Amino acid sequence: MKTEVIVIQNERDLLAARSLVHGLMGATSRKDVARLRAQSALLAAWEAEIHPVIPPDPIEAIRFRMEQMGLDARDLAEILGSRSRVTEVLRGKRRLSLTMIRRLHQHLGIPAEVLIGLPRAAA
């Protein structure tokens, strides 16, 4: 009898589950697609428990996005209002206001829950 899905309890189960998902990637039948979805959900739950994603510090997220986009303090001043405000924020002297969070999210695409400092699951 063929195993429908693999319950992951250890590393060996994890490898078998990944192999099953890989083998089902081109599935076309409803039964195999359902197996793929179920096994993928089990894999995701296992990975989230074993290797939880820790959201970045809001200021580090802003600095990282600035670097990615080739922005400097002048560019950020257009979003936050002034260069002195940018300096205060980046040095941790000023907390982000709701307006700043909204503008950074809108203009830089940083998730609001990262800027607020909440874990993704709680947002």
C-alpha atoms as a PDB file:
ATOM      1  CA  MET A   1       0.000   0.000   0.000  1.00  0.00           C
ATOM      2  CA  LYS A   2       1.300   3.456  -0.954  1.00  0.00           C
ATOM      3  CA  THR A   3       1.851   5.996   1.846  1.00  0.00           C
ATOM      4  CA  GLU A   4      -0.585   8.899   1.485  1.00  0.00           C
ATOM      5  CA  VAL A   5       1.564  11.407   3.406  1.00  0.00           C
ATOM      6  CA  ILE A   6       4.529  11.102   5.730  1.00  0.00           C
ATOM      7  CA  VAL A   7       4.176  12.339   9.289  1.00  0.00           C
ATOM      8  CA  ILE A   8       7.498  13.991  10.092  1.00  0.00           C
ATOM      9  CA  GLN A   9       8.990  13.024  13.425  1.00  0.00           C
ATOM     10  CA  ASN A  10      12.728  12.978  12.693  1.00  0.00           C
ATOM     11  CA  GLU A  11      15.342  13.801  10.058  1.00  0.00           C
ATOM     12  CA  ARG A  12      14.778  10.535   8.171  1.00  0.00           C
ATOM     13  CA  ASP A  13      11.058  11.318   7.873  1.00  0.00           C
ATOM     14  CA  LEU A  14      11.973  14.825   6.751  1.00  0.00           C
ATOM     15  CA  LEU A  15      14.125  13.520   3.897  1.00  0.00           C
ATOM     16  CA  ALA A  16      11.412  11.065   2.851  1.00  0.00           C
ATOM     17  CA  ALA A  17       8.776  13.817   2.936  1.00  0.00           C
ATOM     18  CA  ARG A  18      10.919  16.109   0.789  1.00  0.00           C
ATOM     19  CA  SER A  19      11.459  13.279  -1.669  1.00  0.00           C
ATOM     20  CA  LEU A  20       7.717  12.648  -1.830  1.00  0.00           C
ATOM     21  CA  VAL A  21       7.004  16.329  -2.493  1.00  0.00           C
ATOM     22  CA  HIS A  22       9.672  16.422  -5.186  1.00  0.00           C
ATOM     23  CA  GLY A  23       8.136  13.349  -6.830  1.00  0.00           C
ATOM     24  CA  LEU A  24       4.655  14.874  -6.751  1.00  0.00           C
ATOM     25  CA  MET A  25       5.637  18.267  -8.196  1.00  0.00           C
ATOM     26  CA  GLY A  26       4.286  17.423 -11.641  1.00  0.00           C
ATOM     27  CA  ALA A  27       1.104  15.830 -10.289  1.00  0.00           C
ATOM     28  CA  THR A  28      -2.040  16.205 -12.348  1.00  0.00           C
ATOM     29  CA  SER A  29      -4.537  13.875 -10.677  1.00  0.00           C
ATOM     30  CA  ARG A  30      -6.713  15.273  -7.911  1.00  0.00           C
ATOM     31  CA  LYS A  31      -5.491  12.615  -5.491  1.00  0.00           C
ATOM     32  CA  ASP A  32      -1.811  13.384  -6.123  1.00  0.00           C
ATOM     33  CA  VAL A  33      -2.369  17.141  -5.975  1.00  0.00           C
ATOM     34  CA  ALA A  34      -4.138  16.663  -2.627  1.00  0.00           C
ATOM     35  CA  ARG A  35      -1.205  14.551  -1.392  1.00  0.00           C
ATOM     36  CA  LEU A  36       1.225  17.243  -2.562  1.00  0.00           C
ATOM     37  CA  ARG A  37      -0.686  19.953  -0.709  1.00  0.00           C
ATOM     38  CA  ALA A  38      -0.994  17.898   2.476  1.00  0.00           C
ATOM     39  CA  GLN A  39       2.674  16.886   2.487  1.00  0.00           C
ATOM     40  CA  SER A  40       3.759  20.446   1.726  1.00  0.00           C
ATOM     41  CA  ALA A  41       1.707  21.701   4.681  1.00  0.00           C
ATOM     42  CA  LEU A  42       3.340  19.126   6.972  1.00  0.00           C
ATOM     43  CA  LEU A  43       6.789  20.135   5.700  1.00  0.00           C
ATOM     44  CA  ALA A  44       6.054  23.822   6.239  1.00  0.00           C
ATOM     45  CA  ALA A  45       4.841  23.177   9.786  1.00  0.00           C
ATOM     46  CA  TRP A  46       7.943  21.119  10.593  1.00  0.00           C
ATOM     47  CA  GLU A  47      10.281  23.751   9.157  1.00  0.00           C
ATOM     48  CA  ALA A  48       8.497  26.560  11.035  1.00  0.00           C
ATOM     49  CA  GLU A  49       8.829  24.670  14.309  1.00  0.00           C
ATOM     50  CA  ILE A  50      12.452  23.633  13.851  1.00  0.00           C
ATOM     51  CA  HIS A  51      13.717  26.788  12.093  1.00  0.00           C
ATOM     52  CA  PRO A  52      11.416  29.683  13.022  1.00  0.00           C
ATOM     53  CA  VAL A  53      11.803  32.880  11.042  1.00  0.00           C
ATOM     54  CA  ILE A  54      12.866  35.735  13.290  1.00  0.00           C
ATOM     55  CA  PRO A  55      11.731  39.079  11.908  1.00  0.00           C
ATOM     56  CA  PRO A  56      14.516  41.623  11.397  1.00  0.00           C
ATOM     57  CA  ASP A  57      14.994  44.680  13.553  1.00  0.00           C
ATOM     58  CA  PRO A  58      12.963  47.539  11.981  1.00  0.00           C
ATOM     59  CA  ILE A  59      15.992  49.846  11.632  1.00  0.00           C
ATOM     60  CA  GLU A  60      18.091  47.064  10.091  1.00  0.00           C
ATOM     61  CA  ALA A  61      15.247  46.367   7.652  1.00  0.00           C
ATOM     62  CA  ILE A  62      15.216  50.041   6.615  1.00  0.00           C
ATOM     63  CA  ARG A  63      19.002  50.109   6.185  1.00  0.00           C
ATOM     64  CA  PHE A  64      18.918  46.885   4.176  1.00  0.00           C
ATOM     65  CA  ARG A  65      16.184  48.180   1.856  1.00  0.00           C
ATOM     66  CA  MET A  66      18.034  51.468   1.412  1.00  0.00           C
ATOM     67  CA  GLU A  67      21.129  49.528   0.366  1.00  0.00           C
ATOM     68  CA  GLN A  68      19.105  47.315  -1.987  1.00  0.00           C
ATOM     69  CA  MET A  69      17.513  50.333  -3.644  1.00  0.00           C
ATOM     70  CA  GLY A  70      20.661  52.479  -3.685  1.00  0.00           C
ATOM     71  CA  LEU A  71      19.076  55.121  -1.438  1.00  0.00           C
ATOM     72  CA  ASP A  72      20.751  57.506   0.979  1.00  0.00           C
ATOM     73  CA  ALA A  73      19.527  59.755   3.798  1.00  0.00           C
ATOM     74  CA  ARG A  74      18.419  62.443   1.325  1.00  0.00           C
ATOM     75  CA  ASP A  75      16.134  59.959  -0.411  1.00  0.00           C
ATOM     76  CA  LEU A  76      14.719  58.775   2.888  1.00  0.00           C
ATOM     77  CA  ALA A  77      14.166  62.409   3.962  1.00  0.00           C
ATOM     78  CA  GLU A  78      11.644  62.735   1.141  1.00  0.00           C
ATOM     79  CA  ILE A  79       9.715  59.868   2.712  1.00  0.00           C
ATOM     80  CA  LEU A  80      10.106  60.729   6.404  1.00  0.00           C
ATOM     81  CA  GLY A  81      10.102  64.527   6.191  1.00  0.00           C
ATOM     82  CA  SER A  82      13.627  65.718   7.006  1.00  0.00           C
ATOM     83  CA  ARG A  83      17.243  64.563   7.104  1.00  0.00           C
ATOM     84  CA  SER A  84      17.415  65.185  10.852  1.00  0.00           C
ATOM     85  CA  ARG A  85      14.413  62.907  11.359  1.00  0.00           C
ATOM     86  CA  VAL A  86      16.082  60.225   9.209  1.00  0.00           C
ATOM     87  CA  THR A  87      19.275  60.514  11.255  1.00  0.00           C
ATOM     88  CA  GLU A  88      17.348  60.219  14.522  1.00  0.00           C
ATOM     89  CA  VAL A  89      15.441  57.166  13.275  1.00  0.00           C
ATOM     90  CA  LEU A  90      18.505  55.392  11.902  1.00  0.00           C
ATOM     91  CA  ARG A  91      20.440  56.014  15.137  1.00  0.00           C
ATOM     92  CA  GLY A  92      17.562  54.727  17.264  1.00  0.00           C
ATOM     93  CA  LYS A  93      16.953  58.131  18.870  1.00  0.00           C
ATOM     94  CA  ARG A  94      13.425  58.428  17.451  1.00  0.00           C
ATOM     95  CA  ARG A  95      10.777  55.742  17.279  1.00  0.00           C
ATOM     96  CA  LEU A  96       8.861  55.214  14.081  1.00  0.00           C
ATOM     97  CA  SER A  97       5.456  56.863  14.113  1.00  0.00           C
ATOM     98  CA  LEU A  98       2.433  55.277  12.484  1.00  0.00           C
ATOM     99  CA  THR A  99       2.714  57.798   9.644  1.00  0.00           C
ATOM    100  CA  MET A 100       6.391  56.914   9.108  1.00  0.00           C
ATOM    101  CA  ILE A 101       5.569  53.200   9.127  1.00  0.00           C
ATOM    102  CA  ARG A 102       2.856  53.701   6.523  1.00  0.00           C
ATOM    103  CA  ARG A 103       5.123  55.798   4.291  1.00  0.00           C
ATOM    104  CA  LEU A 104       8.078  53.384   4.558  1.00  0.00           C
ATOM    105  CA  HIS A 105       5.764  50.483   3.763  1.00  0.00           C
ATOM    106  CA  GLN A 106       4.259  52.324   0.792  1.00  0.00           C
ATOM    107  CA  HIS A 107       7.497  53.676  -0.690  1.00  0.00           C
ATOM    108  CA  LEU A 108      10.028  50.986   0.223  1.00  0.00           C
ATOM    109  CA  GLY A 109       7.772  47.934   0.362  1.00  0.00           C
ATOM    110  CA  ILE A 110       8.920  46.919   3.844  1.00  0.00           C
ATOM    111  CA  PRO A 111       6.188  44.851   5.535  1.00  0.00           C
ATOM    112  CA  ALA A 112       4.399  46.924   8.174  1.00  0.00           C
ATOM    113  CA  GLU A 113       4.727  44.133  10.754  1.00  0.00           C
ATOM    114  CA  VAL A 114       8.521  44.342  10.394  1.00  0.00           C
ATOM    115  CA  LEU A 115       8.460  48.105  10.889  1.00  0.00           C
ATOM    116  CA  ILE A 116       6.165  47.787  13.902  1.00  0.00           C
ATOM    117  CA  GLY A 117       8.452  45.144  15.338  1.00  0.00           C
ATOM    118  CA  LEU A 118       5.828  42.411  15.732  1.00  0.00           C
ATOM    119  CA  PRO A 119       6.430  38.779  14.822  1.00  0.00           C
ATOM    120  CA  ARG A 120       4.740  37.956  11.504  1.00  0.00           C
ATOM    121  CA  ALA A 121       2.401  35.418  13.089  1.00  0.00           C
ATOM    122  CA  ALA A 122       1.069  38.002  15.552  1.00  0.00           C
ATOM    123  CA  ALA A 123       0.404  40.648  12.902  1.00  0.00           C
END
